[in-house]
């Protein structure tokens, strides 16, 4: 799956997934939402982000967290 709005650069934020070449990590967006901040408040505080950026960060996280079954040898 491709996420054009999510970038990873080892020179930026230690290579963590960031929103569109910014220093705002996907984890920051998720943490703010988990703390109860609304999308409106996040966009007010990070005026260079868009609603689509938040949506893509959530989609990226869901994709990364998807469970995978691994066959274990017995």
N, C-alpha and C. Protein backbone atom coordinates (compact mmCIF):
# COMPACT_ATOMS: atom_id res chain seq x y z
N UNK A 1 0.85 -1.18 0.00
CA UNK A 1 0.00 0.00 0.00
C UNK A 1 0.89 1.24 0.00
N UNK A 2 0.47 2.26 -0.72
CA UNK A 2 1.26 3.48 -0.82
C UNK A 2 0.60 4.61 -0.04
N UNK A 3 1.45 5.41 0.60
CA UNK A 3 0.99 6.54 1.38
C UNK A 3 1.81 7.77 0.97
N UNK A 4 1.38 8.47 -0.07
CA UNK A 4 2.18 9.60 -0.56
C UNK A 4 2.32 10.73 0.45
N UNK A 5 1.42 10.82 1.39
CA UNK A 5 1.49 11.89 2.39
C UNK A 5 2.30 11.52 3.62
N UNK A 6 2.87 10.32 3.64
CA UNK A 6 3.68 9.88 4.78
C UNK A 6 5.10 9.67 4.27
N UNK A 7 6.06 10.31 4.94
CA UNK A 7 7.45 10.20 4.53
C UNK A 7 8.31 9.67 5.67
N UNK A 8 9.39 9.00 5.29
CA UNK A 8 10.37 8.51 6.26
C UNK A 8 11.75 8.87 5.73
N UNK A 9 12.47 9.60 6.53
CA UNK A 9 13.82 10.03 6.16
C UNK A 9 14.70 9.84 7.39
N UNK A 10 15.76 9.06 7.28
CA UNK A 10 16.61 8.81 8.44
C UNK A 10 17.20 10.09 9.05
N UNK A 11 17.22 11.18 8.28
CA UNK A 11 17.77 12.44 8.80
C UNK A 11 16.72 13.28 9.51
N UNK A 12 15.46 12.86 9.44
CA UNK A 12 14.37 13.64 10.05
C UNK A 12 13.67 12.76 11.09
N UNK A 13 13.66 13.23 12.31
CA UNK A 13 12.97 12.53 13.41
C UNK A 13 13.41 11.06 13.50
N UNK A 14 14.69 10.83 13.30
CA UNK A 14 15.27 9.47 13.39
C UNK A 14 14.59 8.47 12.48
N UNK A 15 14.06 8.94 11.37
CA UNK A 15 13.46 8.04 10.39
C UNK A 15 12.04 7.62 10.70
N UNK A 16 11.44 8.20 11.73
CA UNK A 16 10.04 7.85 12.04
C UNK A 16 9.12 8.40 10.96
N UNK A 17 7.98 7.76 10.81
CA UNK A 17 6.99 8.17 9.81
C UNK A 17 6.47 9.57 10.15
N UNK A 18 6.58 10.46 9.18
CA UNK A 18 6.14 11.85 9.35
C UNK A 18 5.10 12.22 8.29
N UNK A 19 4.38 13.27 8.58
CA UNK A 19 3.37 13.77 7.65
C UNK A 19 4.03 14.71 6.65
N UNK A 20 3.97 14.35 5.36
CA UNK A 20 4.40 15.19 4.23
C UNK A 20 5.69 15.97 4.43
N UNK A 21 6.76 15.32 4.70
CA UNK A 21 8.06 15.98 4.84
C UNK A 21 8.10 17.05 5.93
N UNK A 22 7.25 16.91 6.93
CA UNK A 22 7.30 17.80 8.09
C UNK A 22 8.02 17.05 9.20
N UNK A 23 8.11 17.66 10.35
CA UNK A 23 8.66 17.00 11.54
C UNK A 23 7.54 16.52 12.46
N UNK A 24 6.32 16.50 11.95
CA UNK A 24 5.16 16.00 12.71
C UNK A 24 5.04 14.52 12.42
N UNK A 25 5.24 13.71 13.45
CA UNK A 25 5.20 12.27 13.25
C UNK A 25 3.76 11.75 13.29
N UNK A 26 3.59 10.60 12.67
CA UNK A 26 2.29 9.92 12.73
C UNK A 26 1.93 9.67 14.19
N UNK A 27 2.92 9.29 14.99
CA UNK A 27 2.68 9.03 16.41
C UNK A 27 2.19 10.29 17.14
N UNK A 28 2.68 11.45 16.75
CA UNK A 28 2.21 12.70 17.36
C UNK A 28 0.73 12.91 17.08
N UNK A 29 0.34 12.70 15.83
CA UNK A 29 -1.08 12.86 15.47
C UNK A 29 -1.93 11.88 16.26
N UNK A 30 -1.51 10.62 16.31
CA UNK A 30 -2.28 9.61 17.04
C UNK A 30 -2.35 9.93 18.51
N UNK A 31 -1.25 10.37 19.08
CA UNK A 31 -1.23 10.72 20.50
C UNK A 31 -2.18 11.87 20.81
N UNK A 32 -2.20 12.88 19.97
CA UNK A 32 -3.11 14.00 20.18
C UNK A 32 -4.57 13.55 20.12
N UNK A 33 -4.89 12.73 19.14
CA UNK A 33 -6.26 12.21 19.04
C UNK A 33 -6.61 11.34 20.24
N UNK A 34 -5.67 10.52 20.68
CA UNK A 34 -5.90 9.64 21.83
C UNK A 34 -6.12 10.43 23.11
N UNK A 35 -5.48 11.60 23.21
CA UNK A 35 -5.65 12.46 24.38
C UNK A 35 -6.98 13.22 24.35
N UNK A 36 -7.71 13.09 23.24
CA UNK A 36 -9.01 13.73 23.15
C UNK A 36 -9.04 15.03 22.38
N UNK A 37 -7.92 15.40 21.78
CA UNK A 37 -7.91 16.62 20.97
C UNK A 37 -8.69 16.38 19.68
N UNK A 38 -9.49 17.32 19.29
CA UNK A 38 -10.27 17.18 18.07
C UNK A 38 -9.40 17.49 16.86
N UNK A 39 -9.86 17.04 15.72
CA UNK A 39 -9.16 17.35 14.48
C UNK A 39 -9.08 18.85 14.29
N UNK A 40 -10.12 19.56 14.64
CA UNK A 40 -10.14 21.02 14.51
C UNK A 40 -9.01 21.65 15.33
N UNK A 41 -8.84 21.20 16.56
CA UNK A 41 -7.79 21.75 17.43
C UNK A 41 -6.41 21.42 16.88
N UNK A 42 -6.23 20.20 16.39
CA UNK A 42 -4.94 19.82 15.81
C UNK A 42 -4.61 20.71 14.62
N UNK A 43 -5.59 20.93 13.76
CA UNK A 43 -5.37 21.77 12.58
C UNK A 43 -5.12 23.23 12.95
N UNK A 44 -5.71 23.69 14.04
CA UNK A 44 -5.44 25.05 14.50
C UNK A 44 -4.00 25.18 15.01
N UNK A 45 -3.52 24.15 15.70
CA UNK A 45 -2.17 24.19 16.26
C UNK A 45 -1.08 23.86 15.25
N UNK A 46 -1.42 23.13 14.22
CA UNK A 46 -0.49 22.78 13.15
C UNK A 46 -1.10 23.28 11.85
N UNK A 47 -1.03 24.57 11.64
CA UNK A 47 -1.75 25.20 10.53
C UNK A 47 -1.31 24.71 9.15
N UNK A 48 -0.16 24.09 9.06
CA UNK A 48 0.33 23.59 7.77
C UNK A 48 -0.17 22.18 7.47
N UNK A 49 -0.92 21.57 8.39
CA UNK A 49 -1.52 20.26 8.14
C UNK A 49 -2.93 20.42 7.60
N UNK A 50 -3.42 19.36 6.97
CA UNK A 50 -4.78 19.35 6.44
C UNK A 50 -5.56 18.18 7.03
N UNK A 51 -6.85 18.19 6.83
CA UNK A 51 -7.69 17.07 7.26
C UNK A 51 -7.23 15.78 6.60
N UNK A 52 -6.83 15.87 5.34
CA UNK A 52 -6.34 14.70 4.61
C UNK A 52 -5.06 14.15 5.25
N UNK A 53 -4.20 15.03 5.77
CA UNK A 53 -2.98 14.58 6.45
C UNK A 53 -3.33 13.72 7.67
N UNK A 54 -4.31 14.16 8.43
CA UNK A 54 -4.72 13.41 9.62
C UNK A 54 -5.34 12.08 9.21
N UNK A 55 -6.17 12.10 8.21
CA UNK A 55 -6.79 10.88 7.71
C UNK A 55 -5.74 9.89 7.21
N UNK A 56 -4.75 10.39 6.49
CA UNK A 56 -3.72 9.50 5.97
C UNK A 56 -2.85 8.95 7.10
N UNK A 57 -2.58 9.75 8.12
CA UNK A 57 -1.81 9.25 9.27
C UNK A 57 -2.57 8.11 9.96
N UNK A 58 -3.86 8.27 10.11
CA UNK A 58 -4.67 7.21 10.72
C UNK A 58 -4.70 5.95 9.85
N UNK A 59 -4.83 6.14 8.55
CA UNK A 59 -4.86 5.00 7.63
C UNK A 59 -3.52 4.28 7.65
N UNK A 60 -2.43 5.03 7.66
CA UNK A 60 -1.09 4.45 7.72
C UNK A 60 -0.92 3.63 8.99
N UNK A 61 -1.35 4.19 10.10
CA UNK A 61 -1.23 3.48 11.38
C UNK A 61 -2.05 2.20 11.37
N UNK A 62 -3.27 2.25 10.87
CA UNK A 62 -4.11 1.06 10.81
C UNK A 62 -3.46 0.00 9.95
N UNK A 63 -2.87 0.41 8.83
CA UNK A 63 -2.19 -0.53 7.95
C UNK A 63 -1.01 -1.18 8.66
N UNK A 64 -0.22 -0.37 9.40
CA UNK A 64 0.95 -0.89 10.11
C UNK A 64 0.57 -1.82 11.26
N UNK A 65 -0.58 -1.58 11.85
CA UNK A 65 -1.00 -2.35 13.02
C UNK A 65 -1.80 -3.59 12.68
N UNK A 66 -2.08 -3.78 11.40
CA UNK A 66 -2.89 -4.92 11.00
C UNK A 66 -2.21 -6.22 11.47
N UNK A 67 -3.01 -7.09 12.03
CA UNK A 67 -2.46 -8.34 12.55
C UNK A 67 -2.04 -9.25 11.42
N UNK A 68 -0.97 -9.95 11.65
CA UNK A 68 -0.50 -10.95 10.71
C UNK A 68 -0.40 -12.28 11.44
N UNK A 69 -0.90 -13.31 10.81
CA UNK A 69 -0.75 -14.64 11.38
C UNK A 69 0.57 -15.23 10.93
N UNK A 70 1.31 -15.75 11.88
CA UNK A 70 2.59 -16.38 11.58
C UNK A 70 2.52 -17.82 12.07
N UNK A 71 2.81 -18.73 11.18
CA UNK A 71 2.79 -20.14 11.54
C UNK A 71 4.03 -20.45 12.38
N UNK A 72 3.81 -20.93 13.58
CA UNK A 72 4.91 -21.31 14.45
C UNK A 72 5.16 -22.80 14.34
N UNK A 73 6.41 -23.16 14.29
CA UNK A 73 6.71 -24.60 14.24
C UNK A 73 6.55 -25.19 15.64
N UNK A 74 6.08 -26.43 15.67
CA UNK A 74 5.89 -27.08 16.98
C UNK A 74 6.85 -28.21 17.19
